[in-house]
Amino acid sequence: MRNLTLATSIATVFVGFSAWAVPPTIQISELPTLKQEAQHKVASKRVTDLYTRSHYHRFNLDDAFSAQIFDRYLQQLDFRRNVLTQADVDSFKPYATQFDDMLSSGELEPGYKMFDIVQKRRYEGFVYALSLLDKPIDFSVPGDVYEYDRDDAAWPKDQAEINELWRQRVKYDALNLKLTGKEWPEIVDILQKRYNNAIKRLTQTNSEDVFQGVMNAFSRSIEPHTSYLSPAMLNVSKWK
């Protein structure tokens, strides 16, 4: 885990919607609740059968391998470990030994439940980031750090630690703009657009995105260079 040293202070605290000077342009109720589609059950069963019978890297699709798929899927969902708390991760643990059965049966609902929670947590993170644009950030206070490589970091233990990680990110983003000569009003304008655009992208995810994420967690657990491409993505790749 690597850190960037920053000089900072907390610009604001997390309060209610009514107090936010830079509100989100999209409300959390607008996030899609994604469900598995009928074709995904068939595809999951076929891909699982193909991999278990024909993949050159032999493996046993059992509970131990299921745990590897679970860990990789969790890493895909929150690779910076700045969205989920340890309690969130613990709530997912019952799924760790279910991915083998899920893939074989084509019943992938737990994967969709995990994705749904991560989407909501990520939305909350961006809204908190917007709230930190309420007041200019003090870049002169020494001793602050930005943890930009958190692959091996512990999961945040509570919301306060999550907020601290997002505060670090906002400070880092703002500092980079400051170093290009931007003043605070310009920084706010750029970052509020950036964070609101990120929220907008959350609303544009679809069921196929979740399915592809689950199948890629499976594929890369077998062998890191194996990937699953949905029919739509395969058609796009043919034209590149």
Protein backbone atom coordinates (compact mmCIF):
# COMPACT_ATOMS: atom_id res chain seq x y z
CA MET A 1 0.00 0.00 0.00
CA ARG A 2 1.51 3.32 -1.07
CA ASN A 3 0.75 6.81 0.22
CA LEU A 4 1.00 10.31 -1.16
CA THR A 5 1.76 12.93 1.48
CA LEU A 6 -0.65 15.84 1.34
CA ALA A 7 -1.17 18.95 3.44
CA THR A 8 -4.84 19.22 4.31
CA SER A 9 -7.62 19.68 6.80
CA ILE A 10 -11.16 18.40 6.75
CA ALA A 11 -13.15 20.92 4.75
CA THR A 12 -16.57 19.95 6.02
CA VAL A 13 -18.54 17.17 7.68
CA PHE A 14 -21.12 14.78 6.32
CA VAL A 15 -24.53 16.30 6.94
CA GLY A 16 -27.98 16.12 5.39
CA PHE A 17 -28.92 16.79 1.76
CA SER A 18 -30.32 20.23 2.62
CA ALA A 19 -26.92 21.51 3.79
CA TRP A 20 -24.93 20.45 0.72
CA ALA A 21 -23.70 23.42 -1.30
CA VAL A 22 -22.96 21.10 -4.25
CA PRO A 23 -25.82 18.60 -4.43
CA PRO A 24 -25.89 15.53 -6.66
CA THR A 25 -27.77 15.98 -9.91
CA ILE A 26 -29.14 12.43 -9.65
CA GLN A 27 -30.85 10.99 -6.58
CA ILE A 28 -30.13 7.55 -5.18
CA SER A 29 -33.66 6.44 -6.08
CA GLU A 30 -32.64 6.76 -9.75
CA LEU A 31 -30.04 4.00 -9.49
CA PRO A 32 -31.27 0.92 -11.36
CA THR A 33 -32.09 -2.24 -9.41
CA LEU A 34 -30.59 -4.85 -11.69
CA LYS A 35 -31.86 -8.40 -11.97
CA GLN A 36 -30.55 -11.44 -13.77
CA GLU A 37 -32.09 -11.89 -17.20
CA ALA A 38 -33.29 -15.19 -18.63
CA GLN A 39 -30.44 -15.58 -21.11
CA HIS A 40 -27.87 -15.28 -18.33
CA LYS A 41 -28.98 -18.53 -16.71
CA VAL A 42 -28.44 -20.40 -19.97
CA ALA A 43 -25.12 -18.67 -20.68
CA SER A 44 -23.80 -19.34 -17.17
CA LYS A 45 -24.55 -23.05 -17.41
CA ARG A 46 -23.00 -23.32 -20.86
CA VAL A 47 -19.85 -21.42 -19.99
CA THR A 48 -19.42 -23.38 -16.78
CA ASP A 49 -19.81 -26.66 -18.63
CA LEU A 50 -17.32 -25.54 -21.29
CA TYR A 51 -14.71 -24.43 -18.75
CA THR A 52 -14.98 -27.53 -16.56
CA ARG A 53 -14.73 -29.89 -19.54
CA SER A 54 -12.41 -28.13 -21.97
CA HIS A 55 -10.27 -25.42 -20.37
CA TYR A 56 -6.57 -26.32 -20.65
CA HIS A 57 -6.07 -25.26 -17.02
CA ARG A 58 -7.74 -28.04 -15.06
CA PHE A 59 -9.60 -27.13 -11.87
CA ASN A 60 -12.24 -28.46 -9.53
CA LEU A 61 -15.34 -26.28 -9.26
CA ASP A 62 -15.83 -26.79 -5.54
CA ASP A 63 -16.22 -24.63 -2.43
CA ALA A 64 -12.50 -23.84 -2.29
CA PHE A 65 -12.52 -22.61 -5.89
CA SER A 66 -15.79 -20.79 -5.20
CA ALA A 67 -14.00 -18.77 -2.51
CA GLN A 68 -11.39 -17.72 -5.08
CA ILE A 69 -14.11 -16.52 -7.46
CA PHE A 70 -15.78 -14.65 -4.60
CA ASP A 71 -12.53 -12.90 -3.66
CA ARG A 72 -11.86 -11.86 -7.25
CA TYR A 73 -15.41 -10.60 -7.74
CA LEU A 74 -15.17 -8.61 -4.52
CA GLN A 75 -11.88 -7.12 -5.72
CA GLN A 76 -13.51 -6.14 -9.02
CA LEU A 77 -16.39 -4.44 -7.23
CA ASP A 78 -14.24 -2.39 -4.84
CA PHE A 79 -10.62 -2.57 -5.95
CA ARG A 80 -9.68 0.61 -4.05
CA ARG A 81 -11.34 -0.61 -0.86
CA ASN A 82 -12.92 2.77 -0.33
CA VAL A 83 -16.58 1.83 -0.80
CA LEU A 84 -17.36 -1.19 1.38
CA THR A 85 -16.87 -1.45 5.12
CA GLN A 86 -15.72 -4.59 6.87
CA ALA A 87 -19.34 -5.12 7.94
CA ASP A 88 -20.44 -5.04 4.30
CA VAL A 89 -17.79 -7.58 3.38
CA ASP A 90 -18.77 -9.80 6.31
CA SER A 91 -22.40 -9.71 5.13
CA PHE A 92 -21.22 -11.11 1.78
CA LYS A 93 -19.23 -13.98 3.32
CA PRO A 94 -22.08 -16.54 3.13
CA TYR A 95 -21.83 -16.23 -0.65
CA ALA A 96 -18.14 -17.24 -0.67
CA THR A 97 -18.90 -20.95 -1.02
CA GLN A 98 -21.96 -20.51 -3.25
CA PHE A 99 -20.38 -19.33 -6.50
CA ASP A 100 -19.70 -22.88 -7.71
CA ASP A 101 -23.36 -23.81 -7.31
CA MET A 102 -24.51 -20.44 -8.68
CA LEU A 103 -22.52 -20.84 -11.88
CA SER A 104 -23.50 -24.46 -12.42
CA SER A 105 -27.20 -23.75 -11.89
CA GLY A 106 -27.19 -20.35 -13.56
CA GLU A 107 -28.83 -18.77 -10.49
CA LEU A 108 -26.66 -15.69 -9.96
CA GLU A 109 -28.83 -13.58 -7.65
CA PRO A 110 -26.16 -13.21 -4.90
CA GLY A 111 -23.80 -11.64 -7.43
CA TYR A 112 -26.46 -9.09 -8.30
CA LYS A 113 -27.15 -8.37 -4.63
CA MET A 114 -23.47 -7.66 -4.03
CA PHE A 115 -23.33 -5.38 -7.05
CA ASP A 116 -26.44 -3.48 -5.93
CA ILE A 117 -24.96 -2.74 -2.50
CA VAL A 118 -21.67 -1.58 -4.01
CA GLN A 119 -23.52 0.76 -6.38
CA LYS A 120 -25.36 2.37 -3.47
CA ARG A 121 -22.18 2.71 -1.42
CA ARG A 122 -20.31 4.22 -4.36
CA TYR A 123 -23.15 6.70 -4.91
CA GLU A 124 -22.93 7.70 -1.24
CA GLY A 125 -19.18 8.18 -1.64
CA PHE A 126 -19.55 10.56 -4.56
CA VAL A 127 -22.27 12.50 -2.76
CA TYR A 128 -19.97 12.87 0.23
CA ALA A 129 -17.19 14.00 -2.12
CA LEU A 130 -19.52 16.69 -3.47
CA SER A 131 -20.26 17.84 0.06
CA LEU A 132 -16.55 18.45 0.64
CA LEU A 133 -16.57 21.11 -2.08
CA ASP A 134 -18.64 23.33 0.23
CA LYS A 135 -15.55 25.18 1.51
CA PRO A 136 -12.05 25.77 0.12
CA ILE A 137 -9.55 23.11 1.12
CA ASP A 138 -6.55 24.21 3.15
CA PHE A 139 -3.45 22.80 1.42
CA SER A 140 -1.02 24.17 4.01
CA VAL A 141 -1.65 21.80 6.93
CA PRO A 142 1.14 19.15 7.04
CA GLY A 143 0.99 15.44 7.69
CA ASP A 144 -1.93 14.32 5.53
CA VAL A 145 -1.67 11.26 3.27
CA TYR A 146 -3.55 9.92 0.28
CA GLU A 147 -3.63 6.12 0.10
CA TYR A 148 -3.76 5.64 -3.66
CA ASP A 149 -2.75 1.98 -3.73
CA ARG A 150 -5.01 0.03 -1.37
CA ASP A 151 -4.87 -3.44 -2.88
CA ASP A 152 -3.53 -4.90 0.36
CA ALA A 153 -5.23 -2.48 2.75
CA ALA A 154 -7.69 -3.59 5.40
CA TRP A 155 -11.35 -2.95 4.71
CA PRO A 156 -12.52 0.27 6.40
CA LYS A 157 -14.06 -0.59 9.74
CA ASP A 158 -16.85 1.99 9.65
CA GLN A 159 -18.36 4.92 7.78
CA ALA A 160 -15.94 7.36 9.38
CA GLU A 161 -13.02 5.55 7.76
CA ILE A 162 -14.86 5.47 4.42
CA ASN A 163 -15.42 9.23 4.66
CA GLU A 164 -11.74 9.79 5.44
CA LEU A 165 -10.70 7.89 2.32
CA TRP A 166 -13.05 9.98 0.18
CA ARG A 167 -11.78 13.16 1.83
CA GLN A 168 -8.26 12.14 0.84
CA ARG A 169 -9.39 11.54 -2.73
CA VAL A 170 -11.11 14.92 -3.00
CA LYS A 171 -8.04 16.64 -1.54
CA TYR A 172 -5.81 14.83 -4.04
CA ASP A 173 -8.08 15.71 -6.99
CA ALA A 174 -8.29 19.34 -5.88
CA LEU A 175 -4.53 19.59 -5.32
CA ASN A 176 -3.79 18.32 -8.82
CA LEU A 177 -6.02 21.03 -10.25
CA LYS A 178 -4.47 23.64 -7.95
CA LEU A 179 -1.03 22.73 -9.27
CA THR A 180 -2.22 23.54 -12.80
CA GLY A 181 -3.07 27.07 -11.69
CA LYS A 182 -6.79 26.61 -11.09
CA GLU A 183 -8.47 28.72 -8.42
CA TRP A 184 -11.03 27.32 -5.98
CA PRO A 185 -14.18 28.27 -8.00
CA GLU A 186 -12.70 26.55 -11.06
CA ILE A 187 -11.74 23.52 -8.98
CA VAL A 188 -15.29 23.22 -7.63
CA ASP A 189 -16.76 23.50 -11.11
CA ILE A 190 -14.49 20.80 -12.51
CA LEU A 191 -14.87 18.38 -9.61
CA GLN A 192 -18.62 18.74 -9.25
CA LYS A 193 -18.95 17.89 -12.96
CA ARG A 194 -16.52 14.99 -12.58
CA TYR A 195 -18.29 13.49 -9.58
CA ASN A 196 -21.78 14.04 -10.98
CA ASN A 197 -20.71 12.42 -14.25
CA ALA A 198 -19.45 9.45 -12.25
CA ILE A 199 -22.85 9.23 -10.55
CA LYS A 200 -24.52 9.38 -13.95
CA ARG A 201 -22.45 6.43 -15.11
CA LEU A 202 -23.77 4.42 -12.16
CA THR A 203 -27.28 4.86 -13.54
CA GLN A 204 -26.18 3.57 -16.95
CA THR A 205 -25.14 0.10 -15.79
CA ASN A 206 -27.28 -2.80 -16.90
CA SER A 207 -27.85 -6.45 -16.14
CA GLU A 208 -25.32 -7.54 -18.74
CA ASP A 209 -22.59 -5.55 -16.95
CA VAL A 210 -23.19 -7.50 -13.75
CA PHE A 211 -23.31 -10.83 -15.54
CA GLN A 212 -20.07 -10.11 -17.37
CA GLY A 213 -18.44 -9.14 -14.06
CA VAL A 214 -19.41 -12.44 -12.44
CA MET A 215 -18.29 -14.45 -15.45
CA ASN A 216 -14.97 -12.63 -15.63
CA ALA A 217 -14.35 -13.27 -11.93
CA PHE A 218 -14.91 -16.95 -12.74
CA SER A 219 -12.78 -16.89 -15.90
CA ARG A 220 -9.80 -15.11 -14.35
CA SER A 221 -9.88 -17.33 -11.29
CA ILE A 222 -9.21 -20.24 -13.62
CA GLU A 223 -6.39 -18.43 -15.39
CA PRO A 224 -5.62 -14.68 -15.41
CA HIS A 225 -5.64 -14.39 -19.21
CA THR A 226 -9.05 -15.99 -19.66
CA SER A 227 -11.92 -13.54 -20.08
CA TYR A 228 -15.60 -13.71 -20.82
CA LEU A 229 -16.97 -11.44 -23.56
CA SER A 230 -20.70 -10.93 -23.79
CA PRO A 231 -22.20 -11.19 -27.30
CA ALA A 232 -22.55 -7.40 -27.39
CA MET A 233 -18.90 -6.85 -26.44
CA LEU A 234 -17.80 -9.53 -28.91
CA ASN A 235 -19.58 -7.69 -31.71
CA VAL A 236 -17.90 -4.43 -30.70
CA SER A 237 -14.45 -6.04 -30.64
CA LYS A 238 -14.93 -7.33 -34.20
CA TRP A 239 -15.15 -3.78 -35.44
CA LYS A 240 -12.02 -2.52 -33.69
